[in-house]
């Protein structure tokens, strides 16, 4: 119950931060003109809103109005969230192009939606992904079969002891034990080789790697905390790569690419939240969305945003998938460097 409460709290935080990023985004609310001058800037009022700063002419000063504003900011999100999300999922290119072209009153802005979706994603992952202490206790040697080899070796040695007591021949069991010990030694060497290869020439990154080896629990905590704080960096990291895809098309500027990247990241973070919740709810087939949905979404967003043909959109989609991988690597290096600082 406390986990659900924490998720709701984080979502509320995200919605309120998004609301702060988008306080008057093409909205039109009913205000009363009981004041003759704006209470915010003192401008003489003409109509239901101040034409200088945009504040409503009448400010409600009741407890009911306070909680109405809270619920309005969290759940209504100016009513635009319910128009934006279907467009983001099924018509991302049209959404991006309309926002770039100036039709904004109908949609949540990219940055406000990004703030909300990032809050939601980290809240969900924190609750359904298991505790960091549990992750730290996972024996990485299991990936190399070391634990299995050790268990099997213990079983064979016990079996050999039984044969000795019974006075039976040991040739067969000794051969099995020798083979299992050799396999265990090879697995341990493979693990050590992999560990030795995890190295970086960047001092800050190398310090983070060393600390991760020394204290996995603390390292995982730092990674999660810093990934949350620096999630915004995914936007500036991605923009130059997308610009390269259209470097010879001068009619598309950095602003276009920024809106494109931000809405795309919104979709990916919301998809991650959906899949994580689906796994927890026992709907494992949703995991297949992580394979098929991203390339399809990229393709549709590219075509609609940049008015591309099929072939042009296809090769850019393939390039964008590699770009996404490069961005994640760069982001991980940034987080590692910050975690080791």
Protein backbone atom coordinates (compact mmCIF):
# COMPACT_ATOMS: atom_id res chain seq x y z
CA UNK A 1 0.00 0.00 0.00
CA UNK A 2 2.85 2.35 0.86
CA UNK A 3 4.43 1.56 -2.53
CA UNK A 4 1.26 2.59 -4.34
CA UNK A 5 1.09 5.73 -2.26
CA UNK A 6 4.64 6.62 -3.19
CA UNK A 7 3.91 6.12 -6.88
CA UNK A 8 0.87 8.40 -6.63
CA UNK A 9 2.96 10.96 -4.75
CA UNK A 10 5.64 10.93 -7.44
CA UNK A 11 3.05 11.26 -10.19
CA UNK A 12 1.52 14.22 -8.37
CA UNK A 13 4.99 15.77 -8.07
CA UNK A 14 5.57 15.25 -11.78
CA UNK A 15 2.26 16.76 -12.74
CA UNK A 16 2.84 19.79 -10.55
CA UNK A 17 6.33 20.33 -11.95
CA UNK A 18 4.92 19.99 -15.45
CA UNK A 19 2.22 22.46 -14.54
CA UNK A 20 4.91 24.88 -13.35
CA UNK A 21 6.67 24.48 -16.70
CA UNK A 22 3.43 25.24 -18.52
CA UNK A 23 1.33 27.62 -16.39
CA UNK A 24 -0.61 29.40 -19.14
CA UNK A 25 -0.22 27.34 -22.26
CA UNK A 26 -3.03 28.53 -24.51
CA UNK A 27 -5.60 28.07 -21.75
CA UNK A 28 -8.86 29.87 -21.23
CA UNK A 29 -10.48 29.62 -17.77
CA UNK A 30 -13.50 31.46 -16.46
CA UNK A 31 -12.47 34.36 -14.24
CA UNK A 32 -14.57 36.98 -12.53
CA UNK A 33 -13.77 40.66 -13.01
CA UNK A 34 -14.42 41.81 -9.46
CA UNK A 35 -11.16 43.76 -9.40
CA UNK A 36 -10.56 46.83 -11.52
CA UNK A 37 -6.80 46.25 -11.69
CA UNK A 38 -4.71 43.10 -11.96
CA UNK A 39 -3.62 41.86 -8.54
CA UNK A 40 -0.34 40.64 -10.02
CA UNK A 41 0.97 43.59 -12.05
CA UNK A 42 -1.55 46.40 -11.43
CA UNK A 43 -2.63 46.77 -15.08
CA UNK A 44 -6.19 48.01 -15.60
CA UNK A 45 -8.34 45.00 -16.37
CA UNK A 46 -10.21 44.54 -19.63
CA UNK A 47 -12.04 41.23 -19.67
CA UNK A 48 -11.54 38.07 -17.65
CA UNK A 49 -7.72 38.09 -17.86
CA UNK A 50 -4.99 40.67 -17.57
CA UNK A 51 -3.78 41.50 -21.07
CA UNK A 52 -0.29 42.27 -19.69
CA UNK A 53 0.61 39.21 -17.61
CA UNK A 54 -2.26 36.79 -18.33
CA UNK A 55 -3.43 36.29 -14.74
CA UNK A 56 -7.15 35.70 -14.18
CA UNK A 57 -9.00 38.83 -13.16
CA UNK A 58 -10.48 37.30 -10.01
CA UNK A 59 -8.36 35.27 -7.58
CA UNK A 60 -10.28 32.66 -5.58
CA UNK A 61 -9.23 32.68 -1.91
CA UNK A 62 -11.01 29.66 -0.45
CA UNK A 63 -9.82 26.26 0.74
CA UNK A 64 -12.05 24.63 -1.85
CA UNK A 65 -10.41 26.67 -4.60
CA UNK A 66 -6.96 25.57 -3.40
CA UNK A 67 -7.79 21.86 -3.66
CA UNK A 68 -9.57 22.48 -6.96
CA UNK A 69 -6.34 23.95 -8.34
CA UNK A 70 -4.41 20.91 -7.05
CA UNK A 71 -6.74 18.40 -8.68
CA UNK A 72 -6.94 20.52 -11.82
CA UNK A 73 -3.14 20.65 -12.12
CA UNK A 74 -2.66 16.93 -11.45
CA UNK A 75 -5.52 15.22 -13.25
CA UNK A 76 -6.95 17.67 -15.73
CA UNK A 77 -3.58 19.03 -16.88
CA UNK A 78 -5.58 21.72 -18.71
CA UNK A 79 -7.55 18.93 -20.43
CA UNK A 80 -4.81 18.75 -23.03
CA UNK A 81 -3.22 15.57 -21.68
CA UNK A 82 -6.14 13.51 -23.00
CA UNK A 83 -5.69 14.98 -26.47
CA UNK A 84 -1.91 14.78 -26.40
CA UNK A 85 -1.38 11.17 -25.31
CA UNK A 86 -3.41 9.52 -28.11
CA UNK A 87 -1.67 11.75 -30.64
CA UNK A 88 1.72 10.91 -29.14
CA UNK A 89 1.01 7.19 -29.35
CA UNK A 90 -0.68 6.91 -32.74
CA UNK A 91 0.07 10.13 -34.66
CA UNK A 92 3.40 11.35 -33.28
CA UNK A 93 4.43 13.02 -36.53
CA UNK A 94 1.25 15.07 -36.73
CA UNK A 95 1.55 16.06 -33.06
CA UNK A 96 5.17 17.17 -33.49
CA UNK A 97 4.54 19.07 -36.71
CA UNK A 98 1.45 20.86 -35.39
CA UNK A 99 3.27 21.93 -32.26
CA UNK A 100 6.23 23.21 -34.29
CA UNK A 101 3.90 25.09 -36.63
CA UNK A 102 2.22 26.89 -33.72
CA UNK A 103 -0.91 24.88 -32.90
CA UNK A 104 -0.16 24.55 -29.19
CA UNK A 105 -3.29 25.36 -27.20
CA UNK A 106 -4.61 21.84 -27.82
CA UNK A 107 -1.53 19.95 -26.63
CA UNK A 108 0.74 19.61 -23.62
CA UNK A 109 4.11 21.12 -24.42
CA UNK A 110 7.01 18.70 -24.98
CA UNK A 111 8.98 19.77 -21.93
CA UNK A 112 5.96 19.63 -19.57
CA UNK A 113 5.07 16.15 -20.82
CA UNK A 114 8.70 15.08 -20.53
CA UNK A 115 8.86 16.18 -16.88
CA UNK A 116 5.66 14.30 -16.10
CA UNK A 117 6.69 11.11 -17.92
CA UNK A 118 10.14 11.03 -16.31
CA UNK A 119 8.63 11.42 -12.82
CA UNK A 120 6.20 8.61 -13.63
CA UNK A 121 8.85 6.27 -15.08
CA UNK A 122 11.23 6.54 -12.14
CA UNK A 123 8.38 6.21 -9.64
CA UNK A 124 7.17 3.02 -11.34
CA UNK A 125 10.64 1.51 -11.75
CA UNK A 126 11.50 2.24 -8.13
CA UNK A 127 8.42 0.40 -6.88
CA UNK A 128 8.10 -2.54 -9.27
CA UNK A 129 11.75 -3.11 -10.12
CA UNK A 130 12.82 -4.42 -6.70
CA UNK A 131 14.99 -2.76 -4.11
CA UNK A 132 18.57 -1.76 -4.77
CA UNK A 133 19.68 -3.98 -1.90
CA UNK A 134 18.16 -7.00 -3.64
CA UNK A 135 19.96 -6.09 -6.83
CA UNK A 136 23.22 -5.70 -4.97
CA UNK A 137 22.87 -9.20 -3.53
CA UNK A 138 22.56 -10.83 -6.95
CA UNK A 139 25.69 -12.90 -7.54
CA UNK A 140 27.11 -11.80 -10.86
CA UNK A 141 28.95 -15.11 -11.04
CA UNK A 142 25.66 -16.85 -11.88
CA UNK A 143 25.97 -15.48 -15.41
CA UNK A 144 29.09 -17.59 -15.83
CA UNK A 145 27.63 -20.75 -14.29
CA UNK A 146 30.03 -20.63 -11.35
CA UNK A 147 27.34 -21.25 -8.74
CA UNK A 148 26.01 -24.25 -10.70
CA UNK A 149 29.49 -25.72 -11.06
CA UNK A 150 30.13 -25.33 -7.33
CA UNK A 151 26.82 -26.95 -6.39
CA UNK A 152 27.45 -29.85 -8.76
CA UNK A 153 31.00 -30.30 -7.47
CA UNK A 154 29.71 -30.48 -3.90
CA UNK A 155 27.16 -33.11 -4.94
CA UNK A 156 29.78 -35.21 -6.72
CA UNK A 157 32.18 -35.08 -3.76
CA UNK A 158 29.38 -36.22 -1.46
CA UNK A 159 28.59 -39.02 -3.86
CA UNK A 160 32.29 -40.03 -3.90
CA UNK A 161 32.35 -40.14 -0.12
CA UNK A 162 29.36 -42.49 -0.18
CA UNK A 163 31.14 -44.75 -2.66
CA UNK A 164 34.25 -44.84 -0.48
CA UNK A 165 32.18 -45.99 2.51
CA UNK A 166 30.57 -48.67 0.36
CA UNK A 167 33.95 -49.85 -0.97
CA UNK A 168 32.91 -49.31 -4.58
CA UNK A 169 35.26 -48.26 -7.46
CA UNK A 170 35.93 -44.53 -7.85
CA UNK A 171 37.20 -44.29 -11.44
CA UNK A 172 33.95 -42.96 -12.88
CA UNK A 173 33.20 -40.44 -10.15
CA UNK A 174 36.79 -39.18 -10.04
CA UNK A 175 36.62 -38.42 -13.76
CA UNK A 176 33.39 -36.46 -13.28
CA UNK A 177 34.89 -34.51 -10.39
CA UNK A 178 38.00 -33.67 -12.40
CA UNK A 179 35.89 -32.49 -15.32
CA UNK A 180 33.67 -30.35 -13.10
CA UNK A 181 36.69 -28.75 -11.38
CA UNK A 182 38.18 -27.88 -14.77
CA UNK A 183 34.87 -26.32 -15.86
CA UNK A 184 34.73 -24.32 -12.63
CA UNK A 185 38.25 -23.01 -13.12
CA UNK A 186 37.43 -21.95 -16.68
CA UNK A 187 34.28 -20.16 -15.55
CA UNK A 188 36.22 -18.32 -12.85
CA UNK A 189 38.86 -17.29 -15.39
CA UNK A 190 36.15 -16.01 -17.76
CA UNK A 191 34.63 -13.94 -14.98
CA UNK A 192 38.01 -12.48 -14.03
CA UNK A 193 38.80 -11.66 -17.67
CA UNK A 194 35.51 -9.82 -18.09
CA UNK A 195 36.06 -7.92 -14.84
CA UNK A 196 39.57 -6.91 -15.89
CA UNK A 197 38.29 -5.61 -19.23
CA UNK A 198 35.80 -3.23 -17.57
CA UNK A 199 38.08 -0.23 -17.72
CA UNK A 200 37.89 3.38 -18.83
CA UNK A 201 40.59 5.90 -19.64
CA UNK A 202 38.31 8.65 -18.28
CA UNK A 203 39.41 9.05 -14.63
CA UNK A 204 35.95 9.88 -13.30
CA UNK A 205 34.37 6.90 -15.05
CA UNK A 206 37.14 4.57 -13.85
CA UNK A 207 36.62 5.76 -10.28
CA UNK A 208 32.92 4.95 -10.61
CA UNK A 209 33.70 1.46 -11.96
CA UNK A 210 36.07 0.80 -9.05
CA UNK A 211 33.50 1.93 -6.52
CA UNK A 212 30.83 -0.22 -8.16
CA UNK A 213 33.08 -3.27 -7.70
CA UNK A 214 33.85 -2.36 -4.07
CA UNK A 215 30.28 -1.52 -3.03
CA UNK A 216 27.61 -2.59 -5.57
CA UNK A 217 24.71 -1.46 -3.37
CA UNK A 218 26.00 2.10 -3.01
CA UNK A 219 26.95 2.18 -6.68
CA UNK A 220 23.45 1.17 -7.78
CA UNK A 221 21.93 3.78 -5.48
CA UNK A 222 24.13 6.50 -6.98
CA UNK A 223 23.32 5.37 -10.51
CA UNK A 224 19.60 5.55 -9.90
CA UNK A 225 19.79 8.90 -8.13
CA UNK A 226 21.95 10.49 -10.82
CA UNK A 227 20.00 8.99 -13.72
CA UNK A 228 16.93 10.68 -12.29
CA UNK A 229 18.65 14.03 -11.82
CA UNK A 230 20.30 14.07 -15.23
CA UNK A 231 17.48 12.61 -17.34
CA UNK A 232 17.08 16.05 -18.97
CA UNK A 233 20.55 15.57 -20.50
CA UNK A 234 19.08 13.02 -22.92
CA UNK A 235 17.61 15.94 -24.88
CA UNK A 236 20.79 17.93 -25.64
CA UNK A 237 22.74 14.70 -26.19
CA UNK A 238 20.24 13.54 -28.83
CA UNK A 239 19.71 16.77 -30.77
CA UNK A 240 23.08 16.89 -32.63
CA UNK A 241 22.61 13.33 -33.87
CA UNK A 242 19.14 14.08 -35.21
CA UNK A 243 20.45 17.28 -36.81
CA UNK A 244 22.98 15.18 -38.74
CA UNK A 245 20.11 13.27 -40.36
CA UNK A 246 18.83 16.53 -41.86
CA UNK A 247 22.02 18.58 -42.13
CA UNK A 248 21.40 19.31 -45.83
CA UNK A 249 17.74 20.26 -45.32
CA UNK A 250 18.02 23.84 -44.15
CA UNK A 251 14.30 24.37 -43.61
CA UNK A 252 14.48 22.17 -40.52
CA UNK A 253 16.22 23.93 -37.65
CA UNK A 254 17.38 22.97 -34.20
CA UNK A 255 14.01 23.92 -32.75
CA UNK A 256 12.28 21.34 -34.94
CA UNK A 257 14.73 18.68 -33.81
CA UNK A 258 14.35 19.66 -30.15
CA UNK A 259 10.57 19.24 -30.26
CA UNK A 260 10.98 15.96 -32.17
CA UNK A 261 13.50 14.56 -29.67
CA UNK A 262 11.52 15.62 -26.60
CA UNK A 263 8.21 14.13 -27.75
CA UNK A 264 10.06 10.95 -28.78
CA UNK A 265 11.63 10.65 -25.33
CA UNK A 266 8.20 11.20 -23.78
CA UNK A 267 6.84 8.22 -25.68
CA UNK A 268 9.79 5.98 -24.76
CA UNK A 269 9.59 6.81 -21.05
CA UNK A 270 5.82 6.29 -20.96
CA UNK A 271 6.29 2.99 -22.82
CA UNK A 272 8.83 1.90 -20.21
CA UNK A 273 6.35 2.68 -17.43
CA UNK A 274 3.59 0.75 -19.20
CA UNK A 275 5.76 -2.34 -19.74
CA UNK A 276 7.01 -2.29 -16.14
CA UNK A 277 3.45 -2.09 -14.81
CA UNK A 278 2.36 -4.83 -17.23
CA UNK A 279 5.09 -7.16 -15.99
CA UNK A 280 4.02 -6.56 -12.40
CA UNK A 281 0.36 -7.13 -13.26
CA UNK A 282 1.18 -10.43 -14.96
CA UNK A 283 0.79 -9.22 -18.54
CA UNK A 284 4.19 -10.29 -19.93
CA UNK A 285 3.26 -9.91 -23.60
CA UNK A 286 3.52 -6.14 -23.13
CA UNK A 287 7.29 -6.64 -23.07
CA UNK A 288 7.10 -7.29 -26.82
CA UNK A 289 6.21 -3.62 -27.22
CA UNK A 290 9.80 -2.71 -26.35
CA UNK A 291 10.91 -4.50 -29.53
CA UNK A 292 8.27 -3.40 -32.02
CA UNK A 293 6.91 -0.09 -30.74
CA UNK A 294 10.09 2.09 -30.80
CA UNK A 295 11.00 1.60 -34.50
CA UNK A 296 7.37 1.92 -35.61
CA UNK A 297 6.95 5.09 -33.54
CA UNK A 298 10.21 6.57 -34.87
CA UNK A 299 9.16 5.84 -38.44
CA UNK A 300 5.74 7.47 -38.03
CA UNK A 301 7.14 10.48 -36.20
CA UNK A 302 9.84 11.04 -38.81
CA UNK A 303 7.39 10.84 -41.71
CA UNK A 304 4.88 13.20 -40.14
CA UNK A 305 7.32 15.70 -38.71
CA UNK A 306 9.63 16.07 -41.70
CA UNK A 307 7.25 15.13 -44.56
CA UNK A 308 9.45 12.22 -45.66
CA UNK A 309 8.79 9.50 -48.17
CA UNK A 310 8.79 5.84 -47.15
CA UNK A 311 12.34 5.07 -48.23
CA UNK A 312 13.71 8.27 -46.70
CA UNK A 313 11.92 7.60 -43.42
CA UNK A 314 13.04 3.95 -43.34
CA UNK A 315 16.77 4.61 -43.56
CA UNK A 316 16.50 7.42 -41.06
CA UNK A 317 14.60 5.12 -38.69
CA UNK A 318 17.41 2.57 -38.93
CA UNK A 319 19.95 5.31 -38.26
CA UNK A 320 17.86 6.63 -35.37
CA UNK A 321 17.90 3.22 -33.68
CA UNK A 322 21.71 3.30 -33.69
CA UNK A 323 21.59 6.91 -32.53
CA UNK A 324 19.39 5.89 -29.60
CA UNK A 325 21.95 3.27 -28.59
CA UNK A 326 24.80 5.82 -28.85
CA UNK A 327 22.82 8.32 -26.77
CA UNK A 328 22.18 5.75 -24.05
CA UNK A 329 25.89 4.88 -23.94
CA UNK A 330 26.87 8.53 -23.67
CA UNK A 331 24.23 9.07 -21.00
CA UNK A 332 25.50 6.06 -19.05
CA UNK A 333 29.06 7.42 -19.23
CA UNK A 334 27.81 10.75 -17.91
CA UNK A 335 26.03 9.04 -15.02
CA UNK A 336 29.07 6.88 -14.26
CA UNK A 337 31.32 9.93 -14.23
CA UNK A 338 28.95 11.78 -11.94
CA UNK A 339 28.53 8.75 -9.68
CA UNK A 340 32.30 8.49 -9.29
CA UNK A 341 32.81 12.17 -8.56
